[in-house]
N, C-alpha and C. Protein backbone atom coordinates (compact mmCIF):
# COMPACT_ATOMS: atom_id res chain seq x y z
N UNK A 1 21.81 5.92 -19.09
CA UNK A 1 22.52 5.07 -18.16
C UNK A 1 21.53 4.23 -17.37
N UNK A 2 21.66 2.94 -17.46
CA UNK A 2 20.79 2.04 -16.73
C UNK A 2 21.33 1.80 -15.33
N UNK A 3 20.39 1.73 -14.36
CA UNK A 3 20.77 1.41 -12.99
C UNK A 3 19.88 0.30 -12.49
N UNK A 4 20.45 -0.58 -11.70
CA UNK A 4 19.70 -1.71 -11.17
C UNK A 4 19.76 -1.68 -9.66
N UNK A 5 18.68 -2.10 -9.05
CA UNK A 5 18.60 -2.15 -7.59
C UNK A 5 18.40 -3.60 -7.18
N UNK A 6 19.30 -4.11 -6.39
CA UNK A 6 19.19 -5.48 -5.90
C UNK A 6 18.88 -5.44 -4.41
N UNK A 7 18.15 -6.42 -3.95
CA UNK A 7 17.84 -6.51 -2.54
C UNK A 7 16.36 -6.34 -2.28
N UNK A 8 16.05 -5.95 -1.07
CA UNK A 8 14.66 -5.81 -0.64
C UNK A 8 14.42 -4.42 -0.08
N UNK A 9 13.14 -4.06 -0.02
CA UNK A 9 12.74 -2.80 0.57
C UNK A 9 11.51 -3.05 1.44
N UNK A 10 11.32 -2.19 2.42
CA UNK A 10 10.19 -2.34 3.33
C UNK A 10 9.02 -1.53 2.80
N UNK A 11 7.86 -2.16 2.73
CA UNK A 11 6.62 -1.48 2.34
C UNK A 11 5.70 -1.53 3.55
N UNK A 12 5.19 -0.40 3.97
CA UNK A 12 4.33 -0.38 5.16
C UNK A 12 3.06 0.42 4.91
N UNK A 13 2.01 0.03 5.61
CA UNK A 13 0.75 0.77 5.61
C UNK A 13 0.49 1.15 7.06
N UNK A 14 0.19 2.43 7.28
CA UNK A 14 0.04 2.97 8.62
C UNK A 14 -1.37 3.50 8.81
N UNK A 15 -1.89 3.32 10.00
CA UNK A 15 -3.18 3.89 10.36
C UNK A 15 -2.94 5.32 10.82
N UNK A 16 -3.39 6.27 10.03
CA UNK A 16 -3.10 7.68 10.31
C UNK A 16 -4.00 8.29 11.38
N UNK A 17 -5.11 7.65 11.73
CA UNK A 17 -5.96 8.26 12.74
C UNK A 17 -5.79 7.62 14.12
N UNK A 18 -4.77 6.78 14.28
CA UNK A 18 -4.50 6.22 15.59
C UNK A 18 -3.65 7.20 16.40
N UNK A 19 -3.66 7.11 17.71
CA UNK A 19 -2.88 8.04 18.54
C UNK A 19 -1.39 7.98 18.27
N UNK A 20 -0.88 6.81 17.86
CA UNK A 20 0.57 6.65 17.70
C UNK A 20 1.02 6.53 16.26
N UNK A 21 0.12 6.49 15.31
CA UNK A 21 0.46 6.32 13.89
C UNK A 21 1.38 5.13 13.65
N UNK A 22 1.03 4.01 14.26
CA UNK A 22 1.85 2.80 14.11
C UNK A 22 1.47 2.05 12.84
N UNK A 23 2.45 1.36 12.22
CA UNK A 23 2.14 0.56 11.04
C UNK A 23 1.20 -0.59 11.39
N UNK A 24 0.26 -0.85 10.51
CA UNK A 24 -0.64 -1.99 10.71
C UNK A 24 -0.32 -3.11 9.72
N UNK A 25 0.58 -2.83 8.77
CA UNK A 25 0.96 -3.84 7.78
C UNK A 25 2.39 -3.57 7.34
N UNK A 26 3.25 -4.58 7.43
CA UNK A 26 4.64 -4.48 7.00
C UNK A 26 4.94 -5.64 6.05
N UNK A 27 5.69 -5.36 5.00
CA UNK A 27 6.04 -6.41 4.05
C UNK A 27 7.40 -6.08 3.42
N UNK A 28 8.28 -7.07 3.38
CA UNK A 28 9.53 -6.93 2.64
C UNK A 28 9.28 -7.41 1.22
N UNK A 29 9.65 -6.58 0.26
CA UNK A 29 9.43 -6.92 -1.15
C UNK A 29 10.71 -6.69 -1.93
N UNK A 30 10.74 -7.20 -3.16
CA UNK A 30 11.89 -6.97 -4.03
C UNK A 30 12.09 -5.47 -4.21
N UNK A 31 13.32 -5.04 -4.09
CA UNK A 31 13.62 -3.63 -4.25
C UNK A 31 13.35 -3.10 -5.65
N UNK A 32 13.33 -3.99 -6.63
CA UNK A 32 13.10 -3.57 -8.01
C UNK A 32 11.62 -3.43 -8.35
N UNK A 33 10.74 -3.85 -7.45
CA UNK A 33 9.30 -3.79 -7.72
C UNK A 33 8.78 -2.37 -7.45
N UNK A 34 7.98 -1.85 -8.34
CA UNK A 34 7.44 -0.50 -8.19
C UNK A 34 6.38 -0.47 -7.09
N UNK A 35 6.31 0.64 -6.35
CA UNK A 35 5.37 0.78 -5.24
C UNK A 35 3.92 0.60 -5.67
N UNK A 36 3.58 1.01 -6.87
CA UNK A 36 2.19 0.87 -7.32
C UNK A 36 1.80 -0.60 -7.44
N UNK A 37 2.72 -1.44 -7.84
CA UNK A 37 2.46 -2.88 -7.94
C UNK A 37 2.39 -3.47 -6.54
N UNK A 38 3.31 -3.08 -5.68
CA UNK A 38 3.34 -3.59 -4.31
C UNK A 38 2.06 -3.23 -3.57
N UNK A 39 1.53 -2.03 -3.81
CA UNK A 39 0.31 -1.60 -3.12
C UNK A 39 -0.85 -2.55 -3.40
N UNK A 40 -1.01 -2.98 -4.63
CA UNK A 40 -2.13 -3.85 -4.98
C UNK A 40 -2.07 -5.15 -4.17
N UNK A 41 -0.91 -5.77 -4.11
CA UNK A 41 -0.76 -6.99 -3.33
C UNK A 41 -0.93 -6.72 -1.84
N UNK A 42 -0.36 -5.62 -1.36
CA UNK A 42 -0.47 -5.27 0.06
C UNK A 42 -1.91 -4.98 0.45
N UNK A 43 -2.65 -4.29 -0.42
CA UNK A 43 -4.05 -3.95 -0.14
C UNK A 43 -4.90 -5.22 0.02
N UNK A 44 -4.71 -6.17 -0.87
CA UNK A 44 -5.46 -7.43 -0.80
C UNK A 44 -5.10 -8.18 0.49
N UNK A 45 -3.82 -8.25 0.81
CA UNK A 45 -3.40 -8.93 2.04
C UNK A 45 -3.92 -8.21 3.27
N UNK A 46 -3.92 -6.89 3.25
CA UNK A 46 -4.41 -6.09 4.38
C UNK A 46 -5.89 -6.36 4.63
N UNK A 47 -6.68 -6.40 3.58
CA UNK A 47 -8.11 -6.66 3.73
C UNK A 47 -8.38 -8.07 4.28
N UNK A 48 -7.55 -9.03 3.89
CA UNK A 48 -7.70 -10.38 4.42
C UNK A 48 -7.25 -10.46 5.89
N UNK A 49 -6.22 -9.70 6.22
CA UNK A 49 -5.68 -9.71 7.58
C UNK A 49 -6.63 -9.04 8.58
N UNK A 50 -7.29 -7.97 8.15
CA UNK A 50 -8.19 -7.21 9.02
C UNK A 50 -9.57 -7.08 8.38
N UNK A 51 -10.33 -8.15 8.28
CA UNK A 51 -11.64 -8.06 7.63
C UNK A 51 -12.62 -7.17 8.38
N UNK A 52 -12.40 -6.95 9.67
CA UNK A 52 -13.32 -6.12 10.45
C UNK A 52 -13.04 -4.62 10.30
N UNK A 53 -11.91 -4.25 9.74
CA UNK A 53 -11.57 -2.84 9.56
C UNK A 53 -12.34 -2.25 8.38
N UNK A 54 -12.79 -1.03 8.53
CA UNK A 54 -13.45 -0.29 7.46
C UNK A 54 -12.57 0.90 7.10
N UNK A 55 -11.97 0.87 5.94
CA UNK A 55 -11.09 1.95 5.50
C UNK A 55 -11.92 2.96 4.71
N UNK A 56 -11.76 4.24 5.05
CA UNK A 56 -12.55 5.27 4.38
C UNK A 56 -11.71 6.24 3.56
N UNK A 57 -10.42 6.31 3.84
CA UNK A 57 -9.53 7.23 3.12
C UNK A 57 -8.19 6.55 2.89
N UNK A 58 -7.49 7.01 1.88
CA UNK A 58 -6.14 6.53 1.59
C UNK A 58 -5.27 7.73 1.23
N UNK A 59 -4.14 7.86 1.89
CA UNK A 59 -3.16 8.90 1.58
C UNK A 59 -1.96 8.21 0.95
N UNK A 60 -1.76 8.44 -0.33
CA UNK A 60 -0.71 7.76 -1.07
C UNK A 60 0.20 8.79 -1.73
N UNK A 61 1.46 8.43 -1.94
CA UNK A 61 2.37 9.34 -2.62
C UNK A 61 2.25 9.20 -4.14
N UNK A 62 3.03 9.95 -4.87
CA UNK A 62 2.89 10.00 -6.33
C UNK A 62 3.22 8.68 -7.02
N UNK A 63 3.94 7.79 -6.36
CA UNK A 63 4.22 6.48 -6.96
C UNK A 63 2.95 5.65 -7.10
N UNK A 64 1.91 6.04 -6.38
CA UNK A 64 0.65 5.31 -6.41
C UNK A 64 -0.40 6.01 -7.27
N UNK A 65 -0.01 7.00 -8.02
CA UNK A 65 -0.93 7.78 -8.84
C UNK A 65 -1.20 7.02 -10.16
N UNK A 66 -2.01 5.98 -10.03
CA UNK A 66 -2.29 5.07 -11.13
C UNK A 66 -3.81 4.86 -11.18
N UNK A 67 -4.39 4.92 -12.36
CA UNK A 67 -5.84 4.77 -12.49
C UNK A 67 -6.36 3.48 -11.88
N UNK A 68 -5.63 2.40 -12.05
CA UNK A 68 -6.09 1.11 -11.53
C UNK A 68 -6.17 1.12 -10.00
N UNK A 69 -5.29 1.84 -9.35
CA UNK A 69 -5.37 1.95 -7.89
C UNK A 69 -6.59 2.76 -7.49
N UNK A 70 -6.88 3.83 -8.22
CA UNK A 70 -8.10 4.59 -7.94
C UNK A 70 -9.34 3.71 -8.10
N UNK A 71 -9.37 2.90 -9.13
CA UNK A 71 -10.51 2.01 -9.34
C UNK A 71 -10.60 0.96 -8.24
N UNK A 72 -9.46 0.42 -7.84
CA UNK A 72 -9.42 -0.58 -6.78
C UNK A 72 -9.97 0.00 -5.47
N UNK A 73 -9.59 1.22 -5.13
CA UNK A 73 -10.07 1.85 -3.90
C UNK A 73 -11.54 2.25 -4.02
N UNK A 74 -11.96 2.68 -5.19
CA UNK A 74 -13.34 3.11 -5.38
C UNK A 74 -14.32 1.96 -5.16
N UNK A 75 -13.93 0.76 -5.54
CA UNK A 75 -14.79 -0.41 -5.34
C UNK A 75 -15.11 -0.59 -3.86
N UNK A 76 -14.18 -0.24 -2.98
CA UNK A 76 -14.37 -0.36 -1.53
C UNK A 76 -14.81 0.96 -0.90
N UNK A 77 -15.18 1.94 -1.71
CA UNK A 77 -15.58 3.28 -1.22
C UNK A 77 -14.49 3.94 -0.39
N UNK A 78 -13.25 3.81 -0.85
CA UNK A 78 -12.10 4.43 -0.18
C UNK A 78 -11.54 5.48 -1.11
N UNK A 79 -11.54 6.72 -0.70
CA UNK A 79 -10.91 7.81 -1.46
C UNK A 79 -10.92 9.08 -0.67
């Protein structure tokens, strides 16, 4: 049985070591787009938005368990 999702979904990146755990990046994306694809675009936009930030760790759910994401983070010494 095929199911389709129409509309948008919110994708956010949060700073986990801040006192309030507030989102530092919010983006509305197509609801049909997979989180692993959205992360790549969000990561590039996040780095452009906050060039002074140094990210050292990433906590991602299983939707982001993709070799290309590991390689993308490793280039920036994030893991």
